[in-house]
Amino acid sequence: GTTITMMGKPIVYGVTIPKNAPNPELAIEFVRFLIGPEGQAIMEQQGQPPIVPAVACTGREKLPASLRTIVK
């Protein structure tokens, strides 16, 4: 293969569960998968280095209780 060195600024992606999501429990399950080991491995395989631990951009108190233990 070929290696290319590129310079630039990182792109950080976010995940949001809208307040009016039709299935918030399923959305929480997806977020848990995404920031868990299997989801992070998939992201890394696609060229997106994982952010470990996951970080909340706003106050953690706004997160669903089941996500507060795994998000910084």
N, C-alpha and C. Protein backbone atom coordinates (compact mmCIF):
# COMPACT_ATOMS: atom_id res chain seq x y z
N GLY A 1 0.81 -1.18 0.00
CA GLY A 1 0.00 0.00 0.00
C GLY A 1 0.85 1.25 0.00
N THR A 2 0.20 2.35 -0.13
CA THR A 2 0.83 3.65 -0.16
C THR A 2 0.46 4.42 1.10
N THR A 3 1.41 5.12 1.66
CA THR A 3 1.15 5.97 2.82
C THR A 3 1.19 7.42 2.38
N ILE A 4 0.19 8.17 2.78
CA ILE A 4 0.13 9.60 2.48
C ILE A 4 0.05 10.35 3.81
N THR A 5 0.94 11.29 4.02
CA THR A 5 0.91 12.11 5.22
C THR A 5 0.16 13.39 4.90
N MET A 6 -0.87 13.67 5.69
CA MET A 6 -1.68 14.87 5.47
C MET A 6 -1.67 15.70 6.74
N MET A 7 -1.71 16.99 6.59
CA MET A 7 -1.76 17.90 7.73
C MET A 7 -3.11 18.60 7.73
N GLY A 8 -3.62 18.85 8.88
CA GLY A 8 -4.89 19.55 8.97
C GLY A 8 -5.40 19.54 10.39
N LYS A 9 -6.61 19.95 10.54
CA LYS A 9 -7.23 20.00 11.86
C LYS A 9 -8.20 18.83 11.98
N PRO A 10 -8.36 18.30 13.21
CA PRO A 10 -9.26 17.17 13.39
C PRO A 10 -10.72 17.55 13.16
N ILE A 11 -11.47 16.57 12.71
CA ILE A 11 -12.91 16.73 12.58
C ILE A 11 -13.52 15.87 13.69
N VAL A 12 -14.32 16.47 14.53
CA VAL A 12 -14.94 15.75 15.63
C VAL A 12 -16.42 15.61 15.33
N TYR A 13 -16.90 14.39 15.44
CA TYR A 13 -18.30 14.11 15.17
C TYR A 13 -19.08 14.05 16.48
N GLY A 14 -20.36 14.32 16.39
CA GLY A 14 -21.20 14.25 17.57
C GLY A 14 -22.40 13.35 17.35
N VAL A 15 -23.00 12.94 18.44
CA VAL A 15 -24.20 12.11 18.41
C VAL A 15 -25.24 12.80 19.28
N THR A 16 -26.45 12.89 18.76
CA THR A 16 -27.54 13.53 19.49
C THR A 16 -28.76 12.62 19.49
N ILE A 17 -29.45 12.58 20.60
CA ILE A 17 -30.76 11.93 20.67
C ILE A 17 -31.78 13.04 20.86
N PRO A 18 -32.58 13.34 19.84
CA PRO A 18 -33.57 14.41 19.98
C PRO A 18 -34.56 14.12 21.11
N LYS A 19 -35.02 15.17 21.76
CA LYS A 19 -35.98 15.02 22.86
C LYS A 19 -37.24 14.30 22.41
N ASN A 20 -37.64 14.51 21.15
CA ASN A 20 -38.87 13.89 20.65
C ASN A 20 -38.59 12.65 19.81
N ALA A 21 -37.47 11.98 20.04
CA ALA A 21 -37.13 10.77 19.30
C ALA A 21 -38.26 9.74 19.48
N PRO A 22 -38.69 9.09 18.39
CA PRO A 22 -39.80 8.15 18.50
C PRO A 22 -39.47 6.91 19.34
N ASN A 23 -38.19 6.57 19.47
CA ASN A 23 -37.81 5.40 20.26
C ASN A 23 -36.52 5.72 21.02
N PRO A 24 -36.61 6.50 22.09
CA PRO A 24 -35.39 6.92 22.79
C PRO A 24 -34.60 5.76 23.38
N GLU A 25 -35.27 4.69 23.79
CA GLU A 25 -34.54 3.54 24.36
C GLU A 25 -33.65 2.90 23.30
N LEU A 26 -34.15 2.78 22.08
CA LEU A 26 -33.34 2.21 20.99
C LEU A 26 -32.19 3.16 20.63
N ALA A 27 -32.45 4.46 20.69
CA ALA A 27 -31.40 5.45 20.42
C ALA A 27 -30.28 5.33 21.45
N ILE A 28 -30.65 5.17 22.71
CA ILE A 28 -29.65 5.02 23.78
C ILE A 28 -28.85 3.75 23.55
N GLU A 29 -29.53 2.67 23.17
CA GLU A 29 -28.84 1.41 22.88
C GLU A 29 -27.83 1.58 21.74
N PHE A 30 -28.21 2.34 20.70
CA PHE A 30 -27.30 2.59 19.58
C PHE A 30 -26.09 3.40 20.04
N VAL A 31 -26.30 4.43 20.85
CA VAL A 31 -25.18 5.25 21.33
C VAL A 31 -24.24 4.39 22.17
N ARG A 32 -24.80 3.54 23.03
CA ARG A 32 -23.96 2.65 23.84
C ARG A 32 -23.11 1.76 22.93
N PHE A 33 -23.70 1.24 21.85
CA PHE A 33 -22.96 0.43 20.89
C PHE A 33 -21.86 1.26 20.22
N LEU A 34 -22.23 2.45 19.77
CA LEU A 34 -21.31 3.30 19.02
C LEU A 34 -20.07 3.67 19.83
N ILE A 35 -20.25 3.98 21.11
CA ILE A 35 -19.10 4.39 21.92
C ILE A 35 -18.47 3.22 22.67
N GLY A 36 -19.03 2.02 22.49
CA GLY A 36 -18.46 0.83 23.09
C GLY A 36 -17.33 0.28 22.23
N PRO A 37 -16.69 -0.78 22.70
CA PRO A 37 -15.53 -1.34 21.99
C PRO A 37 -15.82 -1.74 20.54
N GLU A 38 -16.96 -2.39 20.29
CA GLU A 38 -17.27 -2.83 18.92
C GLU A 38 -17.51 -1.65 17.99
N GLY A 39 -18.28 -0.66 18.45
CA GLY A 39 -18.54 0.52 17.63
C GLY A 39 -17.27 1.32 17.37
N GLN A 40 -16.43 1.45 18.40
CA GLN A 40 -15.17 2.17 18.24
C GLN A 40 -14.26 1.45 17.25
N ALA A 41 -14.26 0.11 17.28
CA ALA A 41 -13.44 -0.65 16.34
C ALA A 41 -13.91 -0.41 14.90
N ILE A 42 -15.22 -0.37 14.70
CA ILE A 42 -15.75 -0.10 13.36
C ILE A 42 -15.35 1.30 12.91
N MET A 43 -15.49 2.29 13.80
CA MET A 43 -15.10 3.66 13.45
C MET A 43 -13.62 3.72 13.09
N GLU A 44 -12.79 3.05 13.87
CA GLU A 44 -11.34 3.08 13.60
C GLU A 44 -11.02 2.41 12.27
N GLN A 45 -11.71 1.31 11.94
CA GLN A 45 -11.50 0.64 10.65
C GLN A 45 -11.85 1.57 9.49
N GLN A 46 -12.75 2.51 9.74
CA GLN A 46 -13.18 3.45 8.70
C GLN A 46 -12.36 4.75 8.72
N GLY A 47 -11.29 4.78 9.53
CA GLY A 47 -10.39 5.93 9.53
C GLY A 47 -10.72 7.00 10.55
N GLN A 48 -11.66 6.73 11.46
CA GLN A 48 -12.02 7.70 12.49
C GLN A 48 -11.46 7.21 13.82
N PRO A 49 -10.36 7.80 14.29
CA PRO A 49 -9.80 7.37 15.57
C PRO A 49 -10.82 7.56 16.69
N PRO A 50 -10.89 6.61 17.61
CA PRO A 50 -11.88 6.73 18.68
C PRO A 50 -11.50 7.80 19.69
N ILE A 51 -12.52 8.37 20.30
CA ILE A 51 -12.34 9.30 21.41
C ILE A 51 -12.72 8.52 22.66
N VAL A 52 -11.72 8.17 23.45
CA VAL A 52 -11.96 7.35 24.63
C VAL A 52 -11.40 8.07 25.83
N PRO A 53 -12.19 8.35 26.84
CA PRO A 53 -13.61 8.05 26.89
C PRO A 53 -14.41 9.04 26.06
N ALA A 54 -15.65 8.66 25.75
CA ALA A 54 -16.55 9.58 25.04
C ALA A 54 -16.76 10.81 25.92
N VAL A 55 -16.90 11.97 25.31
CA VAL A 55 -16.99 13.22 26.05
C VAL A 55 -18.29 13.93 25.69
N ALA A 56 -19.00 14.40 26.70
CA ALA A 56 -20.22 15.19 26.48
C ALA A 56 -19.83 16.64 26.26
N CYS A 57 -20.37 17.25 25.22
CA CYS A 57 -20.06 18.66 24.92
C CYS A 57 -20.79 19.60 25.87
N THR A 58 -21.94 19.19 26.34
CA THR A 58 -22.69 20.00 27.30
C THR A 58 -22.70 19.25 28.62
N GLY A 59 -23.39 19.76 29.59
CA GLY A 59 -23.40 19.13 30.90
C GLY A 59 -23.86 17.68 30.88
N ARG A 60 -23.15 16.84 31.63
CA ARG A 60 -23.51 15.42 31.70
C ARG A 60 -24.91 15.23 32.27
N GLU A 61 -25.40 16.19 33.03
CA GLU A 61 -26.74 16.06 33.62
C GLU A 61 -27.83 16.01 32.55
N LYS A 62 -27.51 16.44 31.34
CA LYS A 62 -28.48 16.41 30.24
C LYS A 62 -28.51 15.05 29.55
N LEU A 63 -27.55 14.19 29.85
CA LEU A 63 -27.51 12.86 29.25
C LEU A 63 -28.54 11.95 29.90
N PRO A 64 -29.06 10.97 29.14
CA PRO A 64 -29.88 9.94 29.78
C PRO A 64 -29.05 9.26 30.87
N ALA A 65 -29.67 8.92 31.97
CA ALA A 65 -28.96 8.35 33.12
C ALA A 65 -28.12 7.14 32.73
N SER A 66 -28.61 6.32 31.81
CA SER A 66 -27.88 5.11 31.43
C SER A 66 -26.61 5.39 30.64
N LEU A 67 -26.43 6.63 30.16
CA LEU A 67 -25.20 6.98 29.43
C LEU A 67 -24.21 7.73 30.31
N ARG A 68 -24.64 8.27 31.42
CA ARG A 68 -23.75 9.08 32.27
C ARG A 68 -22.55 8.30 32.79
N THR A 69 -22.70 7.00 32.97
CA THR A 69 -21.60 6.21 33.52
C THR A 69 -20.51 5.92 32.50
N ILE A 70 -20.82 6.09 31.21
CA ILE A 70 -19.82 5.75 30.18
C ILE A 70 -19.36 6.95 29.38
N VAL A 71 -19.87 8.13 29.72
CA VAL A 71 -19.49 9.37 29.02
C VAL A 71 -18.89 10.32 30.04
N LYS A 72 -17.74 10.89 29.69
CA LYS A 72 -17.05 11.83 30.59
C LYS A 72 -17.68 13.20 30.47
